[in-house]
């Protein structure tokens, strides 16, 4: 019984070693190492391609603050802002109008009260 458990542990460790060496689980996969020269050549070619490409007129204009701000504002309004639905906008509009009327009435009453107090203190009754 101990031998069977030892064999299972060996099999498990062997399979984990294969997975570590080969994360895709491929058996006997060829080594995919590149030499430093090959890597430098490939990177050099990519850099040459990047240098040859000139930025478009649009990309050059976006480097100027005058054009970048409107573009970023449009982008934010178009893709980042969550707009309310029609019903939500209508309900919020009604709430704003109702609160404005209530606040206007309260401030009007306070104004009338303070004016009457001023007339009483100064003695300028009509």
C-alpha atoms as a PDB file:
ATOM      1  CA  UNK A   1       0.000   0.000   0.000  1.00  0.00           C
ATOM      2  CA  UNK A   2       2.852   2.346   0.804  1.00  0.00           C
ATOM      3  CA  UNK A   3       4.381   1.499  -2.573  1.00  0.00           C
ATOM      4  CA  UNK A   4       1.185   2.501  -4.380  1.00  0.00           C
ATOM      5  CA  UNK A   5       1.081   5.869  -2.585  1.00  0.00           C
ATOM      6  CA  UNK A   6       4.739   6.487  -3.424  1.00  0.00           C
ATOM      7  CA  UNK A   7       4.073   5.650  -7.087  1.00  0.00           C
ATOM      8  CA  UNK A   8       1.111   8.077  -7.179  1.00  0.00           C
ATOM      9  CA  UNK A   9       3.270  10.854  -5.699  1.00  0.00           C
ATOM     10  CA  UNK A  10       5.968  10.214  -8.311  1.00  0.00           C
ATOM     11  CA  UNK A  11       3.431  10.253 -11.129  1.00  0.00           C
ATOM     12  CA  UNK A  12       1.872  13.471  -9.819  1.00  0.00           C
ATOM     13  CA  UNK A  13       5.227  15.208  -9.438  1.00  0.00           C
ATOM     14  CA  UNK A  14       6.305  14.061 -12.906  1.00  0.00           C
ATOM     15  CA  UNK A  15       3.146  15.435 -14.506  1.00  0.00           C
ATOM     16  CA  UNK A  16       3.528  18.752 -12.664  1.00  0.00           C
ATOM     17  CA  UNK A  17       7.121  19.001 -13.913  1.00  0.00           C
ATOM     18  CA  UNK A  18       5.903  18.499 -17.479  1.00  0.00           C
ATOM     19  CA  UNK A  19       3.297  21.234 -17.030  1.00  0.00           C
ATOM     20  CA  UNK A  20       5.842  23.615 -15.544  1.00  0.00           C
ATOM     21  CA  UNK A  21       8.253  23.053 -18.381  1.00  0.00           C
ATOM     22  CA  UNK A  22       5.456  23.046 -20.934  1.00  0.00           C
ATOM     23  CA  UNK A  23       2.459  25.141 -19.758  1.00  0.00           C
ATOM     24  CA  UNK A  24       0.391  24.169 -22.781  1.00  0.00           C
ATOM     25  CA  UNK A  25       0.710  20.489 -21.887  1.00  0.00           C
ATOM     26  CA  UNK A  26       2.461  19.618 -25.154  1.00  0.00           C
ATOM     27  CA  UNK A  27       4.604  16.509 -25.067  1.00  0.00           C
ATOM     28  CA  UNK A  28       8.133  16.661 -26.390  1.00  0.00           C
ATOM     29  CA  UNK A  29       7.687  20.230 -27.669  1.00  0.00           C
ATOM     30  CA  UNK A  30      10.792  21.729 -29.272  1.00  0.00           C
ATOM     31  CA  UNK A  31      12.604  24.366 -27.327  1.00  0.00           C
ATOM     32  CA  UNK A  32      11.558  27.843 -28.462  1.00  0.00           C
ATOM     33  CA  UNK A  33      14.523  29.858 -27.409  1.00  0.00           C
ATOM     34  CA  UNK A  34      15.839  32.625 -29.576  1.00  0.00           C
ATOM     35  CA  UNK A  35      19.342  33.858 -29.569  1.00  0.00           C
ATOM     36  CA  UNK A  36      20.004  37.425 -28.519  1.00  0.00           C
ATOM     37  CA  UNK A  37      20.973  38.321 -32.061  1.00  0.00           C
ATOM     38  CA  UNK A  38      17.679  37.048 -33.467  1.00  0.00           C
ATOM     39  CA  UNK A  39      15.728  39.030 -30.881  1.00  0.00           C
ATOM     40  CA  UNK A  40      17.716  42.199 -31.557  1.00  0.00           C
ATOM     41  CA  UNK A  41      17.231  41.837 -35.307  1.00  0.00           C
ATOM     42  CA  UNK A  42      13.480  41.385 -34.921  1.00  0.00           C
ATOM     43  CA  UNK A  43      13.202  44.381 -32.564  1.00  0.00           C
ATOM     44  CA  UNK A  44      15.350  46.464 -34.898  1.00  0.00           C
ATOM     45  CA  UNK A  45      13.029  45.714 -37.819  1.00  0.00           C
ATOM     46  CA  UNK A  46      10.006  46.698 -35.737  1.00  0.00           C
ATOM     47  CA  UNK A  47      11.641  49.975 -34.773  1.00  0.00           C
ATOM     48  CA  UNK A  48      12.478  50.715 -38.404  1.00  0.00           C
ATOM     49  CA  UNK A  49       8.864  50.170 -39.359  1.00  0.00           C
ATOM     50  CA  UNK A  50       7.733  52.463 -36.567  1.00  0.00           C
ATOM     51  CA  UNK A  51      10.131  55.188 -37.671  1.00  0.00           C
ATOM     52  CA  UNK A  52       8.951  55.055 -41.257  1.00  0.00           C
ATOM     53  CA  UNK A  53       5.287  55.554 -40.333  1.00  0.00           C
ATOM     54  CA  UNK A  54       4.403  59.221 -40.110  1.00  0.00           C
ATOM     55  CA  UNK A  55       1.580  60.268 -37.808  1.00  0.00           C
ATOM     56  CA  UNK A  56      -1.629  61.155 -39.585  1.00  0.00           C
ATOM     57  CA  UNK A  57      -2.870  64.728 -39.825  1.00  0.00           C
ATOM     58  CA  UNK A  58      -5.502  63.923 -37.195  1.00  0.00           C
ATOM     59  CA  UNK A  59      -2.863  62.557 -34.802  1.00  0.00           C
ATOM     60  CA  UNK A  60      -0.708  65.656 -35.286  1.00  0.00           C
ATOM     61  CA  UNK A  61      -3.671  67.948 -34.636  1.00  0.00           C
ATOM     62  CA  UNK A  62      -4.473  66.081 -31.412  1.00  0.00           C
ATOM     63  CA  UNK A  63      -1.058  67.049 -30.097  1.00  0.00           C
ATOM     64  CA  UNK A  64      -2.220  70.667 -29.989  1.00  0.00           C
ATOM     65  CA  UNK A  65      -4.229  71.666 -26.904  1.00  0.00           C
ATOM     66  CA  UNK A  66      -6.657  73.634 -29.044  1.00  0.00           C
ATOM     67  CA  UNK A  67      -7.808  70.451 -30.810  1.00  0.00           C
ATOM     68  CA  UNK A  68      -7.144  67.917 -28.053  1.00  0.00           C
ATOM     69  CA  UNK A  69      -9.581  69.408 -25.525  1.00  0.00           C
ATOM     70  CA  UNK A  70     -12.690  69.276 -27.768  1.00  0.00           C
ATOM     71  CA  UNK A  71     -11.790  65.743 -28.856  1.00  0.00           C
ATOM     72  CA  UNK A  72     -11.346  64.534 -25.263  1.00  0.00           C
ATOM     73  CA  UNK A  73     -14.576  66.259 -24.218  1.00  0.00           C
ATOM     74  CA  UNK A  74     -16.453  64.557 -27.062  1.00  0.00           C
ATOM     75  CA  UNK A  75     -14.885  61.190 -26.237  1.00  0.00           C
ATOM     76  CA  UNK A  76     -15.830  61.485 -22.569  1.00  0.00           C
ATOM     77  CA  UNK A  77     -19.406  62.531 -23.337  1.00  0.00           C
ATOM     78  CA  UNK A  78     -19.818  59.796 -25.927  1.00  0.00           C
ATOM     79  CA  UNK A  79     -18.218  56.813 -24.202  1.00  0.00           C
ATOM     80  CA  UNK A  80     -17.830  57.509 -20.464  1.00  0.00           C
ATOM     81  CA  UNK A  81     -20.946  59.416 -19.387  1.00  0.00           C
ATOM     82  CA  UNK A  82     -23.979  57.390 -18.348  1.00  0.00           C
ATOM     83  CA  UNK A  83     -26.967  59.306 -19.637  1.00  0.00           C
ATOM     84  CA  UNK A  84     -30.327  59.084 -17.804  1.00  0.00           C
ATOM     85  CA  UNK A  85     -33.371  57.596 -19.469  1.00  0.00           C
ATOM     86  CA  UNK A  86     -36.248  59.866 -20.474  1.00  0.00           C
ATOM     87  CA  UNK A  87     -38.287  58.902 -17.393  1.00  0.00           C
ATOM     88  CA  UNK A  88     -35.354  59.561 -15.044  1.00  0.00           C
ATOM     89  CA  UNK A  89     -34.713  62.971 -16.636  1.00  0.00           C
ATOM     90  CA  UNK A  90     -38.424  63.883 -16.395  1.00  0.00           C
ATOM     91  CA  UNK A  91     -38.630  62.843 -12.720  1.00  0.00           C
ATOM     92  CA  UNK A  92     -35.467  64.758 -11.813  1.00  0.00           C
ATOM     93  CA  UNK A  93     -36.768  67.863 -13.634  1.00  0.00           C
ATOM     94  CA  UNK A  94     -40.048  67.724 -11.708  1.00  0.00           C
ATOM     95  CA  UNK A  95     -38.129  67.322  -8.429  1.00  0.00           C
ATOM     96  CA  UNK A  96     -35.941  70.357  -9.194  1.00  0.00           C
ATOM     97  CA  UNK A  97     -38.958  72.524 -10.071  1.00  0.00           C
ATOM     98  CA  UNK A  98     -40.841  71.447  -6.910  1.00  0.00           C
ATOM     99  CA  UNK A  99     -37.843  72.099  -4.639  1.00  0.00           C
ATOM    100  CA  UNK A 100     -37.219  75.468  -6.276  1.00  0.00           C
ATOM    101  CA  UNK A 101     -40.837  76.527  -5.700  1.00  0.00           C
ATOM    102  CA  UNK A 102     -40.761  75.358  -2.067  1.00  0.00           C
ATOM    103  CA  UNK A 103     -37.488  77.177  -1.399  1.00  0.00           C
ATOM    104  CA  UNK A 104     -38.817  80.313  -3.127  1.00  0.00           C
ATOM    105  CA  UNK A 105     -41.912  80.323  -0.929  1.00  0.00           C
ATOM    106  CA  UNK A 106     -39.866  79.828   2.261  1.00  0.00           C
ATOM    107  CA  UNK A 107     -37.423  82.607   1.345  1.00  0.00           C
ATOM    108  CA  UNK A 108     -40.328  84.915   0.388  1.00  0.00           C
ATOM    109  CA  UNK A 109     -41.970  84.382   3.784  1.00  0.00           C
ATOM    110  CA  UNK A 110     -38.663  85.018   5.584  1.00  0.00           C
ATOM    111  CA  UNK A 111     -38.196  88.219   3.537  1.00  0.00           C
ATOM    112  CA  UNK A 112     -41.701  89.495   4.405  1.00  0.00           C
ATOM    113  CA  UNK A 113     -41.171  88.656   8.099  1.00  0.00           C
ATOM    114  CA  UNK A 114     -37.818  90.441   8.266  1.00  0.00           C
ATOM    115  CA  UNK A 115     -39.261  93.468   6.458  1.00  0.00           C
ATOM    116  CA  UNK A 116     -42.121  93.699   8.993  1.00  0.00           C
ATOM    117  CA  UNK A 117     -39.586  93.403  11.833  1.00  0.00           C
ATOM    118  CA  UNK A 118     -37.505  96.201  10.298  1.00  0.00           C
ATOM    119  CA  UNK A 119     -40.569  98.460  10.045  1.00  0.00           C
ATOM    120  CA  UNK A 120     -41.483  97.721  13.665  1.00  0.00           C
ATOM    121  CA  UNK A 121     -37.947  98.525  14.935  1.00  0.00           C
ATOM    122  CA  UNK A 122     -37.556 101.721  12.950  1.00  0.00           C
ATOM    123  CA  UNK A 123     -41.074 102.910  13.706  1.00  0.00           C
ATOM    124  CA  UNK A 124     -41.946 103.632  10.141  1.00  0.00           C
ATOM    125  CA  UNK A 125     -45.457 102.222  10.177  1.00  0.00           C
ATOM    126  CA  UNK A 126     -47.806 103.322   7.454  1.00  0.00           C
END
